[in-house]
Every structure is written in C-alpha cells, then in structure tokens.
Amino acid sequence: GPNKFGLASSLRGTRGGVPVRVLAVDDELPALEDLVRLLEASPAVERVESAASAEEALVALGDGAAIDAVFLDVRMPGLGGLELARVLRRFEQPPAVVFVSAFDDAAVDAFELAAVDYLRKPVSRHRLDEAIERAGRRAPAGETATLEDETLAVDVLRGGGTRLLARS
C-alpha cells in the first residue's frame, strides 16, 4: 500500500504483483557477484540466476527456466551481450533485456534490440530498481508495442550516459 508519502510502496506491484525472475550475465566474476547481490536485495526480484558467459546463459534459459528478465553485460569474450540479445529475441517468449556496461557505445544497438534499459557500471541501486520495474512492466510476449510504448535512446547530460525512455 501507500507509504507515508502517499507513494505506492517499492516495486512489489511489478507484473501484477508477481516478482521478477532474473538471470544476470557477466564474464567478470566480481561484477557478476555485485550485480547478483544488488538484484537479490530488490523486493521486486523473486529469484536470481547467474551465468559467466552468453553460452552459460543460453543453457540456463534453455532449461525451461522461467526467466522474466536478463541483465546482460555488453562486452564478453565469445558471444557478446548484443549477439545474445539477438538470439533471445527469437525466443517464443523472449525475456526483457537490460544491458549493463561500463561503456556507452552500445546504447544505440541496445535500443534497436528493444532492450528495456541500459545501465552504466558501477550500477546504482536507484537505476537498478528502475530497470527491474521496467522489465516487470514490459508487455507480455505476443503483444506488439504501440507507438506510445516505443522506447528512445536519450543522452543524459548530467552524469553522462544514455537512458532508454518511453516515448510517452
């Protein structure tokens, strides 16, 4: 319910009250552990799986695992984050994709791949919560987004980086 400020409390309302199941993918173990810890601390996250490569991620996703969102490092040896996102788009029910990168250079590609967000490392708790909320709000598979839901990549002046914003 509303807290003392009259705002809906945290993100529990994600996906109609169902917390999000997340797969975190990063080839750098410390970064992966940090991301997993941050995700597990979010009240909107039900379960966190992790993978140290795109190949491991595909195995985790192929096991009939019900994953709602994939938090994905952009630069990884072998199959990179953008390539993995392209593979995920072919899934019958593709998970929401959130890119996580120390660099801004893949933001436009991420936008073209319909990522729900693009987070800069080091990831802040606030931005992570926003991304989880976006992933949870994503239209169910099979529904095509209307123009209002279209996402745009926008350069942020203060603090740098690129944000993906709904056209609405």
Protein backbone atom coordinates (compact mmCIF):
# COMPACT_ATOMS: atom_id res chain seq x y z
CA GLY A 1 0.00 0.00 0.00
CA PRO A 2 0.92 3.66 0.00
CA ASN A 3 3.70 4.70 2.38
CA LYS A 4 3.73 7.88 4.46
CA PHE A 5 4.48 9.93 1.33
CA GLY A 6 1.41 8.55 -0.42
CA LEU A 7 3.51 6.65 -2.93
CA ALA A 8 2.99 3.02 -3.77
CA SER A 9 5.47 1.04 -1.72
CA SER A 10 8.60 -0.21 -3.53
CA LEU A 11 8.17 -2.30 -6.66
CA ARG A 12 6.12 -5.22 -5.37
CA GLY A 13 3.43 -4.34 -7.88
CA THR A 14 5.68 -5.40 -10.74
CA ARG A 15 3.96 -7.74 -13.21
CA GLY A 16 0.68 -7.51 -11.36
CA GLY A 17 2.18 -8.43 -8.02
CA VAL A 18 4.42 -11.23 -9.28
CA PRO A 19 8.08 -10.53 -8.51
CA VAL A 20 10.51 -10.80 -11.42
CA ARG A 21 12.80 -13.78 -12.04
CA VAL A 22 16.17 -12.58 -13.29
CA LEU A 23 19.25 -14.00 -15.00
CA ALA A 24 22.44 -11.95 -14.51
CA VAL A 25 25.18 -12.45 -17.13
CA ASP A 26 28.74 -11.11 -16.84
CA ASP A 27 32.10 -12.73 -17.63
CA GLU A 28 33.84 -10.81 -14.81
CA LEU A 29 33.13 -12.61 -11.55
CA PRO A 30 33.35 -9.59 -9.18
CA ALA A 31 30.98 -7.62 -11.43
CA LEU A 32 28.62 -10.61 -11.64
CA GLU A 33 28.64 -11.07 -7.85
CA ASP A 34 27.93 -7.37 -7.31
CA LEU A 35 25.06 -7.45 -9.78
CA VAL A 36 23.57 -10.60 -8.24
CA ARG A 37 23.82 -9.06 -4.74
CA LEU A 38 22.07 -5.87 -5.89
CA LEU A 39 19.35 -7.83 -7.66
CA GLU A 40 18.76 -10.14 -4.69
CA ALA A 41 18.37 -7.11 -2.44
CA SER A 42 15.47 -5.79 -4.53
CA PRO A 43 12.00 -6.58 -3.17
CA ALA A 44 10.73 -6.85 -6.76
CA VAL A 45 13.04 -9.76 -7.57
CA GLU A 46 11.85 -13.26 -6.77
CA ARG A 47 14.89 -15.25 -7.90
CA VAL A 48 18.32 -14.54 -9.38
CA GLU A 49 20.25 -16.99 -11.56
CA SER A 50 23.72 -16.14 -12.83
CA ALA A 51 25.86 -17.03 -15.82
CA ALA A 52 29.51 -16.18 -16.56
CA SER A 53 29.10 -16.25 -20.35
CA ALA A 54 26.48 -15.95 -23.07
CA GLU A 55 26.79 -19.69 -23.66
CA GLU A 56 26.07 -20.41 -19.97
CA ALA A 57 23.14 -18.01 -20.18
CA LEU A 58 21.66 -19.90 -23.12
CA VAL A 59 21.94 -23.17 -21.18
CA ALA A 60 20.21 -21.56 -18.17
CA LEU A 61 17.47 -20.14 -20.41
CA GLY A 62 17.10 -23.36 -22.35
CA ASP A 63 16.27 -25.46 -19.31
CA GLY A 64 12.68 -24.29 -19.42
CA ALA A 65 13.67 -21.81 -16.72
CA ALA A 66 11.01 -19.17 -16.27
CA ILE A 67 13.20 -16.07 -16.59
CA ASP A 68 11.44 -12.72 -16.94
CA ALA A 69 14.49 -10.51 -17.40
CA VAL A 70 18.13 -10.88 -18.39
CA PHE A 71 20.65 -8.35 -17.04
CA LEU A 72 23.40 -8.61 -19.60
CA ASP A 73 26.99 -7.39 -19.84
CA VAL A 74 27.67 -5.96 -23.31
CA ARG A 75 31.32 -6.94 -23.74
CA MET A 76 32.10 -10.61 -23.16
CA PRO A 77 34.54 -12.96 -24.90
CA GLY A 78 32.96 -15.31 -27.41
CA LEU A 79 29.30 -14.47 -27.81
CA GLY A 80 28.84 -10.86 -26.63
CA GLY A 81 25.80 -9.31 -24.97
CA LEU A 82 24.39 -7.80 -28.16
CA GLU A 83 24.64 -11.11 -30.02
CA LEU A 84 22.99 -12.92 -27.11
CA ALA A 85 20.17 -10.36 -27.10
CA ARG A 86 19.63 -11.03 -30.82
CA VAL A 87 19.31 -14.76 -30.06
CA LEU A 88 16.88 -14.08 -27.18
CA ARG A 89 14.60 -12.08 -29.48
CA ARG A 90 13.91 -15.28 -31.42
CA PHE A 91 12.54 -17.00 -28.32
CA GLU A 92 8.82 -17.69 -28.32
CA GLN A 93 8.52 -15.68 -25.09
CA PRO A 94 11.66 -13.54 -25.00
CA PRO A 95 12.73 -12.23 -21.60
CA ALA A 96 13.10 -8.48 -21.09
CA VAL A 97 16.72 -7.46 -21.70
CA VAL A 98 18.61 -4.90 -19.60
CA PHE A 99 22.15 -4.15 -20.74
CA VAL A 100 24.83 -3.43 -18.16
CA SER A 101 28.07 -1.89 -19.39
CA ALA A 102 30.98 0.28 -18.35
CA PHE A 103 30.66 1.92 -21.76
CA ASP A 104 28.02 3.92 -23.62
CA ASP A 105 29.00 2.77 -27.09
CA ALA A 106 26.40 0.00 -27.39
CA ALA A 107 23.39 2.09 -26.31
CA VAL A 108 22.10 2.64 -29.84
CA ASP A 109 22.40 -1.08 -30.65
CA ALA A 110 20.66 -1.89 -27.36
CA PHE A 111 17.81 0.41 -28.33
CA GLU A 112 17.50 -1.26 -31.73
CA LEU A 113 17.29 -4.63 -29.94
CA ALA A 114 14.36 -3.30 -27.87
CA ALA A 115 16.21 -3.50 -24.56
CA VAL A 116 14.12 -2.16 -21.70
CA ASP A 117 17.10 -0.33 -20.14
CA TYR A 118 20.84 0.31 -20.37
CA LEU A 119 22.73 0.62 -17.09
CA ARG A 120 26.20 2.08 -16.66
CA LYS A 121 28.68 0.30 -14.38
CA PRO A 122 29.05 0.80 -11.49
CA VAL A 123 25.30 0.25 -11.26
CA SER A 124 23.43 2.35 -8.71
CA ARG A 125 20.64 0.85 -6.61
CA HIS A 126 18.21 3.52 -7.90
CA ARG A 127 18.89 2.80 -11.59
CA LEU A 128 18.75 -0.95 -10.99
CA ASP A 129 15.33 -0.62 -9.34
CA GLU A 130 14.12 1.45 -12.30
CA ALA A 131 15.34 -1.23 -14.70
CA ILE A 132 13.66 -4.02 -12.70
CA GLU A 133 10.42 -2.05 -12.72
CA ARG A 134 10.68 -1.54 -16.50
CA ALA A 135 11.39 -5.23 -17.03
CA GLY A 136 8.34 -6.13 -14.96
CA ARG A 137 6.09 -3.68 -16.81
CA ARG A 138 7.10 -4.95 -20.25
CA ALA A 139 4.18 -6.03 -22.41
CA PRO A 140 3.57 -9.79 -22.30
CA ALA A 141 5.05 -11.70 -25.24
CA GLY A 142 2.86 -11.65 -28.30
CA GLU A 143 1.58 -8.12 -27.72
CA THR A 144 3.13 -5.63 -30.06
CA ALA A 145 4.06 -2.30 -28.58
CA THR A 146 2.07 0.69 -29.75
CA LEU A 147 3.75 3.94 -30.71
CA GLU A 148 3.18 5.23 -27.17
CA ASP A 149 5.31 2.42 -25.70
CA GLU A 150 8.12 2.98 -28.17
CA THR A 151 11.48 3.47 -26.46
CA LEU A 152 14.01 6.13 -27.37
CA ALA A 153 17.72 6.30 -26.51
CA VAL A 154 18.37 9.69 -24.90
CA ASP A 155 21.77 11.11 -23.95
CA VAL A 156 21.80 12.35 -20.36
CA LEU A 157 23.87 15.48 -19.84
CA ARG A 158 24.19 15.43 -16.05
CA GLY A 159 26.13 12.34 -15.02
CA GLY A 160 26.57 11.30 -18.62
CA GLY A 161 25.39 8.04 -20.05
CA THR A 162 22.39 7.12 -22.11
CA ARG A 163 18.90 6.39 -20.84
CA LEU A 164 16.20 4.48 -22.65
CA LEU A 165 12.92 6.36 -22.21
CA ALA A 166 9.39 5.50 -23.25
CA ARG A 167 8.19 7.87 -25.97
CA SER A 168 5.13 8.57 -23.80
